[in-house]
């Protein structure tokens, strides 16, 4: 499977989150070509302050050893924020693949400076998901990004 395929699974997660009344951001954690964790932003659904899509995917992957994270790729439909980027750095995830970063851009340059490969696919489907959501619920979006 390739980056586009794994991003497609993250998009599925984003759509699930939106259908649940949440923010349409999805993520998957892949190790050795296998998805070990998948998730979506559940801040609204769970009343959580930290349950962004990337954090949900990491949580759903369960405890892993450093050697597993060292072979992982984190996929996200949207550029990871400071918190989620920090989790990738903390666990030594060497590659992050982003669907789009025009709606929101996390600390990609900092993550790259720490040796992580960051790839932005500029996927139109990811952009449309966010454009529609931001237009429909700007207050919720601003809450999610801390504005």
C-alpha atoms as a PDB file:
ATOM      1  CA  UNK A   1       0.000   0.000   0.000  1.00  0.00           C
ATOM      2  CA  UNK A   2       1.175   3.534  -0.686  1.00  0.00           C
ATOM      3  CA  UNK A   3       0.777   6.958   0.925  1.00  0.00           C
ATOM      4  CA  UNK A   4      -2.407   7.720  -1.031  1.00  0.00           C
ATOM      5  CA  UNK A   5      -4.014   4.469   0.137  1.00  0.00           C
ATOM      6  CA  UNK A   6      -3.207   5.079   3.804  1.00  0.00           C
ATOM      7  CA  UNK A   7      -4.355   8.688   3.496  1.00  0.00           C
ATOM      8  CA  UNK A   8      -7.603   7.293   2.076  1.00  0.00           C
ATOM      9  CA  UNK A   9      -8.129   5.377   5.320  1.00  0.00           C
ATOM     10  CA  UNK A  10      -7.468   8.576   7.273  1.00  0.00           C
ATOM     11  CA  UNK A  11     -10.088  10.316   5.108  1.00  0.00           C
ATOM     12  CA  UNK A  12     -12.553   7.537   5.989  1.00  0.00           C
ATOM     13  CA  UNK A  13     -11.846   8.285   9.650  1.00  0.00           C
ATOM     14  CA  UNK A  14     -12.404  12.013   9.048  1.00  0.00           C
ATOM     15  CA  UNK A  15     -15.783  11.262   7.485  1.00  0.00           C
ATOM     16  CA  UNK A  16     -16.739   9.076  10.467  1.00  0.00           C
ATOM     17  CA  UNK A  17     -15.844  11.916  12.821  1.00  0.00           C
ATOM     18  CA  UNK A  18     -17.953  14.380  10.857  1.00  0.00           C
ATOM     19  CA  UNK A  19     -20.909  11.968  10.795  1.00  0.00           C
ATOM     20  CA  UNK A  20     -20.651  11.758  14.600  1.00  0.00           C
ATOM     21  CA  UNK A  21     -20.949  15.548  14.815  1.00  0.00           C
ATOM     22  CA  UNK A  22     -17.244  16.152  15.265  1.00  0.00           C
ATOM     23  CA  UNK A  23     -14.417  17.763  13.360  1.00  0.00           C
ATOM     24  CA  UNK A  24     -13.501  15.976  10.090  1.00  0.00           C
ATOM     25  CA  UNK A  25      -9.871  15.124  10.709  1.00  0.00           C
ATOM     26  CA  UNK A  26      -8.631  11.538  10.499  1.00  0.00           C
ATOM     27  CA  UNK A  27      -5.356   9.766  11.147  1.00  0.00           C
ATOM     28  CA  UNK A  28      -3.718   6.351  10.891  1.00  0.00           C
ATOM     29  CA  UNK A  29      -0.502   4.952  12.317  1.00  0.00           C
ATOM     30  CA  UNK A  30       1.236   2.520   9.984  1.00  0.00           C
ATOM     31  CA  UNK A  31       4.118   0.171  10.794  1.00  0.00           C
ATOM     32  CA  UNK A  32       5.719  -2.091   8.205  1.00  0.00           C
ATOM     33  CA  UNK A  33       2.849  -1.518   5.776  1.00  0.00           C
ATOM     34  CA  UNK A  34       0.121  -2.386   8.315  1.00  0.00           C
ATOM     35  CA  UNK A  35      -2.280  -0.048  10.071  1.00  0.00           C
ATOM     36  CA  UNK A  36      -1.835  -0.509  13.808  1.00  0.00           C
ATOM     37  CA  UNK A  37      -3.966   2.437  14.914  1.00  0.00           C
ATOM     38  CA  UNK A  38      -6.631   4.580  13.370  1.00  0.00           C
ATOM     39  CA  UNK A  39      -8.700   7.407  14.728  1.00  0.00           C
ATOM     40  CA  UNK A  40     -10.430  10.705  14.228  1.00  0.00           C
ATOM     41  CA  UNK A  41     -10.865  13.935  16.100  1.00  0.00           C
ATOM     42  CA  UNK A  42     -13.205  13.106  19.006  1.00  0.00           C
ATOM     43  CA  UNK A  43     -12.958  16.301  21.040  1.00  0.00           C
ATOM     44  CA  UNK A  44     -16.657  17.047  20.595  1.00  0.00           C
ATOM     45  CA  UNK A  45     -17.903  13.474  20.886  1.00  0.00           C
ATOM     46  CA  UNK A  46     -15.929  12.735  24.070  1.00  0.00           C
ATOM     47  CA  UNK A  47     -15.809  16.244  25.547  1.00  0.00           C
ATOM     48  CA  UNK A  48     -12.024  15.916  25.389  1.00  0.00           C
ATOM     49  CA  UNK A  49      -9.420  18.636  25.354  1.00  0.00           C
ATOM     50  CA  UNK A  50      -6.730  16.434  23.754  1.00  0.00           C
ATOM     51  CA  UNK A  51      -8.398  13.858  21.532  1.00  0.00           C
ATOM     52  CA  UNK A  52      -7.246  15.102  18.151  1.00  0.00           C
ATOM     53  CA  UNK A  53      -7.182  12.546  15.326  1.00  0.00           C
ATOM     54  CA  UNK A  54      -3.476  11.778  15.703  1.00  0.00           C
ATOM     55  CA  UNK A  55      -3.808  11.298  19.455  1.00  0.00           C
ATOM     56  CA  UNK A  56      -6.803   9.009  18.875  1.00  0.00           C
ATOM     57  CA  UNK A  57      -4.838   6.902  16.381  1.00  0.00           C
ATOM     58  CA  UNK A  58      -1.896   6.645  18.791  1.00  0.00           C
ATOM     59  CA  UNK A  59      -4.245   5.722  21.646  1.00  0.00           C
ATOM     60  CA  UNK A  60      -5.961   3.078  19.524  1.00  0.00           C
ATOM     61  CA  UNK A  61      -2.579   1.586  18.578  1.00  0.00           C
ATOM     62  CA  UNK A  62      -1.985   0.879  22.265  1.00  0.00           C
ATOM     63  CA  UNK A  63       1.368   0.813  24.016  1.00  0.00           C
ATOM     64  CA  UNK A  64       4.213   0.176  21.619  1.00  0.00           C
ATOM     65  CA  UNK A  65       7.948  -0.192  22.064  1.00  0.00           C
ATOM     66  CA  UNK A  66      10.368   2.408  20.754  1.00  0.00           C
ATOM     67  CA  UNK A  67      11.432  -0.039  18.037  1.00  0.00           C
ATOM     68  CA  UNK A  68       7.867  -0.092  16.682  1.00  0.00           C
ATOM     69  CA  UNK A  69       7.539   3.700  16.638  1.00  0.00           C
ATOM     70  CA  UNK A  70      10.937   3.906  14.911  1.00  0.00           C
ATOM     71  CA  UNK A  71       9.376   2.109  11.909  1.00  0.00           C
ATOM     72  CA  UNK A  72       6.095   4.030  11.919  1.00  0.00           C
ATOM     73  CA  UNK A  73       4.484   6.576   9.660  1.00  0.00           C
ATOM     74  CA  UNK A  74       1.774   8.860  10.983  1.00  0.00           C
ATOM     75  CA  UNK A  75      -0.839   9.911   8.410  1.00  0.00           C
ATOM     76  CA  UNK A  76      -3.177  12.819   9.025  1.00  0.00           C
ATOM     77  CA  UNK A  77      -5.716  14.522   6.810  1.00  0.00           C
ATOM     78  CA  UNK A  78      -4.601  17.897   8.227  1.00  0.00           C
ATOM     79  CA  UNK A  79      -1.229  19.233   9.339  1.00  0.00           C
ATOM     80  CA  UNK A  80      -0.701  18.105  12.952  1.00  0.00           C
ATOM     81  CA  UNK A  81      -0.827  20.791  15.633  1.00  0.00           C
ATOM     82  CA  UNK A  82       1.886  21.397  18.236  1.00  0.00           C
ATOM     83  CA  UNK A  83       0.457  18.745  20.580  1.00  0.00           C
ATOM     84  CA  UNK A  84       0.202  16.021  17.934  1.00  0.00           C
ATOM     85  CA  UNK A  85       3.541  16.916  16.375  1.00  0.00           C
ATOM     86  CA  UNK A  86       5.050  16.742  19.849  1.00  0.00           C
ATOM     87  CA  UNK A  87       3.670  13.231  20.311  1.00  0.00           C
ATOM     88  CA  UNK A  88       5.278  12.177  17.016  1.00  0.00           C
ATOM     89  CA  UNK A  89       8.584  13.647  18.192  1.00  0.00           C
ATOM     90  CA  UNK A  90       8.279  12.139  21.673  1.00  0.00           C
ATOM     91  CA  UNK A  91       7.800   8.640  20.303  1.00  0.00           C
ATOM     92  CA  UNK A  92      10.400   8.982  17.562  1.00  0.00           C
ATOM     93  CA  UNK A  93       8.046   8.518  14.622  1.00  0.00           C
ATOM     94  CA  UNK A  94      10.307   9.145  11.612  1.00  0.00           C
ATOM     95  CA  UNK A  95       7.714  10.058   8.963  1.00  0.00           C
ATOM     96  CA  UNK A  96       4.549  12.137   8.894  1.00  0.00           C
ATOM     97  CA  UNK A  97       2.324  12.299   5.815  1.00  0.00           C
ATOM     98  CA  UNK A  98      -0.163  15.173   5.682  1.00  0.00           C
ATOM     99  CA  UNK A  99      -3.251  15.387   3.496  1.00  0.00           C
ATOM    100  CA  UNK A 100      -3.333  19.183   3.403  1.00  0.00           C
ATOM    101  CA  UNK A 101      -1.856  22.149   5.237  1.00  0.00           C
ATOM    102  CA  UNK A 102      -3.617  25.152   3.725  1.00  0.00           C
ATOM    103  CA  UNK A 103      -6.493  25.158   6.223  1.00  0.00           C
ATOM    104  CA  UNK A 104      -4.070  24.851   9.134  1.00  0.00           C
ATOM    105  CA  UNK A 105      -0.317  24.460   9.272  1.00  0.00           C
ATOM    106  CA  UNK A 106       1.274  22.961  12.338  1.00  0.00           C
ATOM    107  CA  UNK A 107       4.973  23.197  13.210  1.00  0.00           C
ATOM    108  CA  UNK A 108       6.112  21.288  10.127  1.00  0.00           C
ATOM    109  CA  UNK A 109       9.450  23.101   9.863  1.00  0.00           C
ATOM    110  CA  UNK A 110      10.278  22.330  13.492  1.00  0.00           C
ATOM    111  CA  UNK A 111       9.353  18.672  13.017  1.00  0.00           C
ATOM    112  CA  UNK A 112      11.592  18.526   9.925  1.00  0.00           C
ATOM    113  CA  UNK A 113      14.416  20.184  11.866  1.00  0.00           C
ATOM    114  CA  UNK A 114      14.218  17.276  14.322  1.00  0.00           C
ATOM    115  CA  UNK A 115      14.904  14.798  11.522  1.00  0.00           C
ATOM    116  CA  UNK A 116      11.360  13.724  10.707  1.00  0.00           C
ATOM    117  CA  UNK A 117      10.424  13.305   7.060  1.00  0.00           C
ATOM    118  CA  UNK A 118       7.308  15.416   6.470  1.00  0.00           C
ATOM    119  CA  UNK A 119       5.363  14.940   3.244  1.00  0.00           C
ATOM    120  CA  UNK A 120       2.411  17.144   2.275  1.00  0.00           C
ATOM    121  CA  UNK A 121       0.209  15.518  -0.367  1.00  0.00           C
ATOM    122  CA  UNK A 122      -2.036  18.574  -0.887  1.00  0.00           C
ATOM    123  CA  UNK A 123      -5.020  16.263  -1.312  1.00  0.00           C
ATOM    124  CA  UNK A 124      -8.106  18.053  -2.680  1.00  0.00           C
ATOM    125  CA  UNK A 125     -10.552  15.795  -0.805  1.00  0.00           C
ATOM    126  CA  UNK A 126      -8.936  16.697   2.516  1.00  0.00           C
ATOM    127  CA  UNK A 127      -9.169  20.395   1.638  1.00  0.00           C
ATOM    128  CA  UNK A 128     -12.857  20.153   0.687  1.00  0.00           C
ATOM    129  CA  UNK A 129     -13.678  18.350   3.960  1.00  0.00           C
ATOM    130  CA  UNK A 130     -12.117  21.168   5.947  1.00  0.00           C
ATOM    131  CA  UNK A 131     -13.483  24.014   3.793  1.00  0.00           C
ATOM    132  CA  UNK A 132     -17.031  22.722   4.204  1.00  0.00           C
ATOM    133  CA  UNK A 133     -16.609  22.208   7.937  1.00  0.00           C
ATOM    134  CA  UNK A 134     -15.005  25.609   8.607  1.00  0.00           C
ATOM    135  CA  UNK A 135     -17.765  27.348   6.611  1.00  0.00           C
ATOM    136  CA  UNK A 136     -20.481  25.494   8.546  1.00  0.00           C
ATOM    137  CA  UNK A 137     -18.983  25.650  12.053  1.00  0.00           C
ATOM    138  CA  UNK A 138     -16.345  28.382  12.339  1.00  0.00           C
ATOM    139  CA  UNK A 139     -16.688  28.694  16.119  1.00  0.00           C
ATOM    140  CA  UNK A 140     -16.054  24.996  16.678  1.00  0.00           C
ATOM    141  CA  UNK A 141     -13.091  25.126  14.302  1.00  0.00           C
ATOM    142  CA  UNK A 142     -11.600  28.115  16.149  1.00  0.00           C
ATOM    143  CA  UNK A 143     -12.047  26.260  19.438  1.00  0.00           C
ATOM    144  CA  UNK A 144     -10.209  23.227  18.041  1.00  0.00           C
ATOM    145  CA  UNK A 145      -7.200  25.276  16.980  1.00  0.00           C
ATOM    146  CA  UNK A 146      -7.148  27.379  20.154  1.00  0.00           C
ATOM    147  CA  UNK A 147      -8.389  30.685  18.768  1.00  0.00           C
END
